[in-house]
Amino acid sequence: MAELWRFGVSLEKDLLDKFDSLSRKRSYNNRSKAIADLIRKDLIKEEWQSGKEIAGAITFIYDHHKRELMNKIVDIQHNYGDVILSTQHIHLDHDNCLEIVAVKGSSKKIQDLANKIGAIKGVKHATLGMSSTGKRIG
């Protein structure tokens, strides 16, 4: 486990009260964990922006009745096999499917993949959840 350091933070009372309220809503047991997660969030954002190797998930909803849609999705995914770790296909109802694509690699390439999937006619909604490989954020 990493060595822990204590430090002081001065905040306006109103800001601290809002932070404590938000921390409780998010089920944090203490301020230290909440502050550490905020710091990690910005460090992960920096990893994505700097083009480092990252991990994440692309989730999208599509109409499986749309002609040739599955073939287009698979063709795009085959072009990004070096960053796709896994895919999961879920039938939501008679018309809609959810696909989750776990990814790891260059942030630029992963963002490109997410954009291409989202732009396919028949894909109703697509999101990219950014995370880290965990190597650089402690």
C-alpha atoms as a PDB file:
ATOM      1  CA  MET A   1       0.000   0.000   0.000  1.00  0.00           C
ATOM      2  CA  ALA A   2       1.191   3.501  -0.787  1.00  0.00           C
ATOM      3  CA  GLU A   3       2.461   5.770   1.952  1.00  0.00           C
ATOM      4  CA  LEU A   4      -0.198   8.173   3.263  1.00  0.00           C
ATOM      5  CA  TRP A   5       0.391  11.894   3.831  1.00  0.00           C
ATOM      6  CA  ARG A   6      -1.772  14.305   5.784  1.00  0.00           C
ATOM      7  CA  PHE A   7      -2.264  17.887   4.661  1.00  0.00           C
ATOM      8  CA  GLY A   8      -4.610  20.730   5.532  1.00  0.00           C
ATOM      9  CA  VAL A   9      -7.179  22.289   3.240  1.00  0.00           C
ATOM     10  CA  SER A  10      -8.920  25.603   3.878  1.00  0.00           C
ATOM     11  CA  LEU A  11     -12.380  26.071   2.366  1.00  0.00           C
ATOM     12  CA  GLU A  12     -15.269  28.474   2.802  1.00  0.00           C
ATOM     13  CA  LYS A  13     -17.873  26.916   5.108  1.00  0.00           C
ATOM     14  CA  ASP A  14     -20.596  27.013   2.444  1.00  0.00           C
ATOM     15  CA  LEU A  15     -18.370  25.144  -0.029  1.00  0.00           C
ATOM     16  CA  LEU A  16     -17.402  22.566   2.601  1.00  0.00           C
ATOM     17  CA  ASP A  17     -21.060  22.027   3.519  1.00  0.00           C
ATOM     18  CA  LYS A  18     -21.928  21.425  -0.151  1.00  0.00           C
ATOM     19  CA  PHE A  19     -18.978  19.060  -0.521  1.00  0.00           C
ATOM     20  CA  ASP A  20     -20.014  17.110   2.589  1.00  0.00           C
ATOM     21  CA  SER A  21     -23.601  16.867   1.311  1.00  0.00           C
ATOM     22  CA  LEU A  22     -22.422  15.612  -2.080  1.00  0.00           C
ATOM     23  CA  SER A  23     -20.061  13.149  -0.403  1.00  0.00           C
ATOM     24  CA  ARG A  24     -22.911  11.717   1.674  1.00  0.00           C
ATOM     25  CA  LYS A  25     -25.128  11.385  -1.436  1.00  0.00           C
ATOM     26  CA  ARG A  26     -22.333   9.417  -3.077  1.00  0.00           C
ATOM     27  CA  SER A  27     -21.931   7.223   0.038  1.00  0.00           C
ATOM     28  CA  TYR A  28     -18.429   8.316   1.001  1.00  0.00           C
ATOM     29  CA  ASN A  29     -17.535   7.489   4.592  1.00  0.00           C
ATOM     30  CA  ASN A  30     -14.926  10.232   4.841  1.00  0.00           C
ATOM     31  CA  ARG A  31     -13.639  13.346   3.109  1.00  0.00           C
ATOM     32  CA  SER A  32     -10.239  11.836   2.340  1.00  0.00           C
ATOM     33  CA  LYS A  33     -11.675   9.206  -0.011  1.00  0.00           C
ATOM     34  CA  ALA A  34     -13.951  11.769  -1.679  1.00  0.00           C
ATOM     35  CA  ILE A  35     -11.050  14.189  -2.247  1.00  0.00           C
ATOM     36  CA  ALA A  36      -8.780  11.394  -3.522  1.00  0.00           C
ATOM     37  CA  ASP A  37     -11.449  10.341  -6.038  1.00  0.00           C
ATOM     38  CA  LEU A  38     -11.815  13.923  -7.278  1.00  0.00           C
ATOM     39  CA  ILE A  39      -8.053  14.106  -7.791  1.00  0.00           C
ATOM     40  CA  ARG A  40      -8.017  10.748  -9.610  1.00  0.00           C
ATOM     41  CA  LYS A  41     -10.873  11.903 -11.841  1.00  0.00           C
ATOM     42  CA  ASP A  42      -8.778  14.832 -13.081  1.00  0.00           C
ATOM     43  CA  LEU A  43      -5.668  12.653 -13.448  1.00  0.00           C
ATOM     44  CA  ILE A  44      -7.657  10.197 -15.584  1.00  0.00           C
ATOM     45  CA  LYS A  45      -8.993  13.075 -17.684  1.00  0.00           C
ATOM     46  CA  GLU A  46      -5.393  14.192 -18.217  1.00  0.00           C
ATOM     47  CA  GLU A  47      -4.419  10.664 -19.308  1.00  0.00           C
ATOM     48  CA  TRP A  48      -7.175  10.713 -21.928  1.00  0.00           C
ATOM     49  CA  GLN A  49      -6.234  14.165 -23.188  1.00  0.00           C
ATOM     50  CA  SER A  50      -2.522  13.367 -23.399  1.00  0.00           C
ATOM     51  CA  GLY A  51      -3.058  10.238 -25.496  1.00  0.00           C
ATOM     52  CA  LYS A  52      -1.719   7.731 -22.969  1.00  0.00           C
ATOM     53  CA  GLU A  53      -2.917   4.131 -22.807  1.00  0.00           C
ATOM     54  CA  ILE A  54      -6.298   4.060 -21.108  1.00  0.00           C
ATOM     55  CA  ALA A  55      -9.186   1.686 -20.443  1.00  0.00           C
ATOM     56  CA  GLY A  56     -12.898   2.257 -20.769  1.00  0.00           C
ATOM     57  CA  ALA A  57     -16.217   1.068 -22.112  1.00  0.00           C
ATOM     58  CA  ILE A  58     -18.285   2.036 -25.109  1.00  0.00           C
ATOM     59  CA  THR A  59     -21.986   1.381 -24.614  1.00  0.00           C
ATOM     60  CA  PHE A  60     -24.577   1.768 -27.312  1.00  0.00           C
ATOM     61  CA  ILE A  61     -28.221   1.031 -28.051  1.00  0.00           C
ATOM     62  CA  TYR A  62     -29.397   0.066 -31.501  1.00  0.00           C
ATOM     63  CA  ASP A  63     -32.384  -1.285 -33.399  1.00  0.00           C
ATOM     64  CA  HIS A  64     -31.474  -4.828 -34.369  1.00  0.00           C
ATOM     65  CA  HIS A  65     -34.126  -4.798 -37.129  1.00  0.00           C
ATOM     66  CA  LYS A  66     -32.175  -2.140 -39.032  1.00  0.00           C
ATOM     67  CA  ARG A  67     -30.927  -3.761 -42.221  1.00  0.00           C
ATOM     68  CA  GLU A  68     -27.174  -4.444 -42.387  1.00  0.00           C
ATOM     69  CA  LEU A  69     -26.570  -2.650 -39.081  1.00  0.00           C
ATOM     70  CA  MET A  70     -24.958  -5.633 -37.361  1.00  0.00           C
ATOM     71  CA  ASN A  71     -22.602  -6.125 -40.307  1.00  0.00           C
ATOM     72  CA  LYS A  72     -21.509  -2.464 -40.128  1.00  0.00           C
ATOM     73  CA  ILE A  73     -20.925  -2.698 -36.370  1.00  0.00           C
ATOM     74  CA  VAL A  74     -18.879  -5.894 -36.719  1.00  0.00           C
ATOM     75  CA  ASP A  75     -16.850  -4.495 -39.636  1.00  0.00           C
ATOM     76  CA  ILE A  76     -15.900  -1.415 -37.610  1.00  0.00           C
ATOM     77  CA  GLN A  77     -15.047  -3.503 -34.547  1.00  0.00           C
ATOM     78  CA  HIS A  78     -12.788  -5.771 -36.625  1.00  0.00           C
ATOM     79  CA  ASN A  79     -10.803  -2.696 -37.666  1.00  0.00           C
ATOM     80  CA  TYR A  80     -10.187  -1.912 -33.975  1.00  0.00           C
ATOM     81  CA  GLY A  81      -9.356  -5.398 -32.709  1.00  0.00           C
ATOM     82  CA  ASP A  82      -6.122  -4.138 -31.165  1.00  0.00           C
ATOM     83  CA  VAL A  83      -8.035  -1.982 -28.649  1.00  0.00           C
ATOM     84  CA  ILE A  84     -11.176  -4.087 -28.076  1.00  0.00           C
ATOM     85  CA  LEU A  85     -10.857  -6.456 -25.118  1.00  0.00           C
ATOM     86  CA  SER A  86     -14.395  -7.817 -25.049  1.00  0.00           C
ATOM     87  CA  THR A  87     -17.938  -7.190 -26.206  1.00  0.00           C
ATOM     88  CA  GLN A  88     -21.227  -8.060 -24.559  1.00  0.00           C
ATOM     89  CA  HIS A  89     -24.513  -8.143 -26.426  1.00  0.00           C
ATOM     90  CA  ILE A  90     -27.788  -7.799 -24.496  1.00  0.00           C
ATOM     91  CA  HIS A  91     -31.338  -8.028 -25.840  1.00  0.00           C
ATOM     92  CA  LEU A  92     -33.301  -5.267 -24.121  1.00  0.00           C
ATOM     93  CA  ASP A  93     -36.619  -5.952 -25.812  1.00  0.00           C
ATOM     94  CA  HIS A  94     -37.987  -7.083 -29.184  1.00  0.00           C
ATOM     95  CA  ASP A  95     -36.506  -4.099 -31.025  1.00  0.00           C
ATOM     96  CA  ASN A  96     -33.534  -2.833 -29.024  1.00  0.00           C
ATOM     97  CA  CYS A  97     -30.139  -4.234 -28.157  1.00  0.00           C
ATOM     98  CA  LEU A  98     -27.437  -2.936 -25.851  1.00  0.00           C
ATOM     99  CA  GLU A  99     -23.808  -3.594 -26.605  1.00  0.00           C
ATOM    100  CA  ILE A 100     -20.934  -2.977 -24.215  1.00  0.00           C
ATOM    101  CA  VAL A 101     -17.424  -2.877 -25.648  1.00  0.00           C
ATOM    102  CA  ALA A 102     -14.516  -3.025 -23.178  1.00  0.00           C
ATOM    103  CA  VAL A 103     -11.480  -1.200 -24.560  1.00  0.00           C
ATOM    104  CA  LYS A 104      -7.840  -0.581 -23.693  1.00  0.00           C
ATOM    105  CA  GLY A 105      -5.289   1.353 -25.709  1.00  0.00           C
ATOM    106  CA  SER A 106      -4.658   4.772 -27.211  1.00  0.00           C
ATOM    107  CA  SER A 107      -7.269   7.311 -26.125  1.00  0.00           C
ATOM    108  CA  LYS A 108      -7.321   8.812 -29.618  1.00  0.00           C
ATOM    109  CA  LYS A 109      -8.015   5.460 -31.252  1.00  0.00           C
ATOM    110  CA  ILE A 110     -10.704   4.551 -28.708  1.00  0.00           C
ATOM    111  CA  GLN A 111     -12.439   7.908 -29.121  1.00  0.00           C
ATOM    112  CA  ASP A 112     -12.329   7.373 -32.889  1.00  0.00           C
ATOM    113  CA  LEU A 113     -13.956   3.937 -32.475  1.00  0.00           C
ATOM    114  CA  ALA A 114     -16.698   5.348 -30.229  1.00  0.00           C
ATOM    115  CA  ASN A 115     -17.403   8.146 -32.707  1.00  0.00           C
ATOM    116  CA  LYS A 116     -17.638   5.733 -35.642  1.00  0.00           C
ATOM    117  CA  ILE A 117     -20.029   3.437 -33.798  1.00  0.00           C
ATOM    118  CA  GLY A 118     -22.202   6.348 -32.676  1.00  0.00           C
ATOM    119  CA  ALA A 119     -22.412   7.719 -36.212  1.00  0.00           C
ATOM    120  CA  ILE A 120     -23.830   4.528 -37.733  1.00  0.00           C
ATOM    121  CA  LYS A 121     -27.421   4.935 -38.913  1.00  0.00           C
ATOM    122  CA  GLY A 122     -29.568   2.810 -36.588  1.00  0.00           C
ATOM    123  CA  VAL A 123     -27.429   3.365 -33.481  1.00  0.00           C
ATOM    124  CA  LYS A 124     -29.785   5.276 -31.211  1.00  0.00           C
ATOM    125  CA  HIS A 125     -27.330   6.308 -28.503  1.00  0.00           C
ATOM    126  CA  ALA A 126     -23.653   5.732 -27.772  1.00  0.00           C
ATOM    127  CA  THR A 127     -21.439   6.765 -24.874  1.00  0.00           C
ATOM    128  CA  LEU A 128     -17.786   6.346 -23.988  1.00  0.00           C
ATOM    129  CA  GLY A 129     -16.973   5.835 -20.334  1.00  0.00           C
ATOM    130  CA  MET A 130     -13.405   6.909 -19.681  1.00  0.00           C
ATOM    131  CA  SER A 131     -11.251   5.235 -17.095  1.00  0.00           C
ATOM    132  CA  SER A 132      -7.623   4.376 -16.480  1.00  0.00           C
ATOM    133  CA  THR A 133      -5.462   1.303 -16.633  1.00  0.00           C
ATOM    134  CA  GLY A 134      -4.649   2.155 -13.015  1.00  0.00           C
ATOM    135  CA  LYS A 135      -0.896   2.267 -13.622  1.00  0.00           C
ATOM    136  CA  ARG A 136      -0.408   6.007 -13.176  1.00  0.00           C
ATOM    137  CA  ILE A 137      -3.075   7.161 -10.728  1.00  0.00           C
ATOM    138  CA  GLY A 138      -2.218   5.261  -7.541  1.00  0.00           C
END
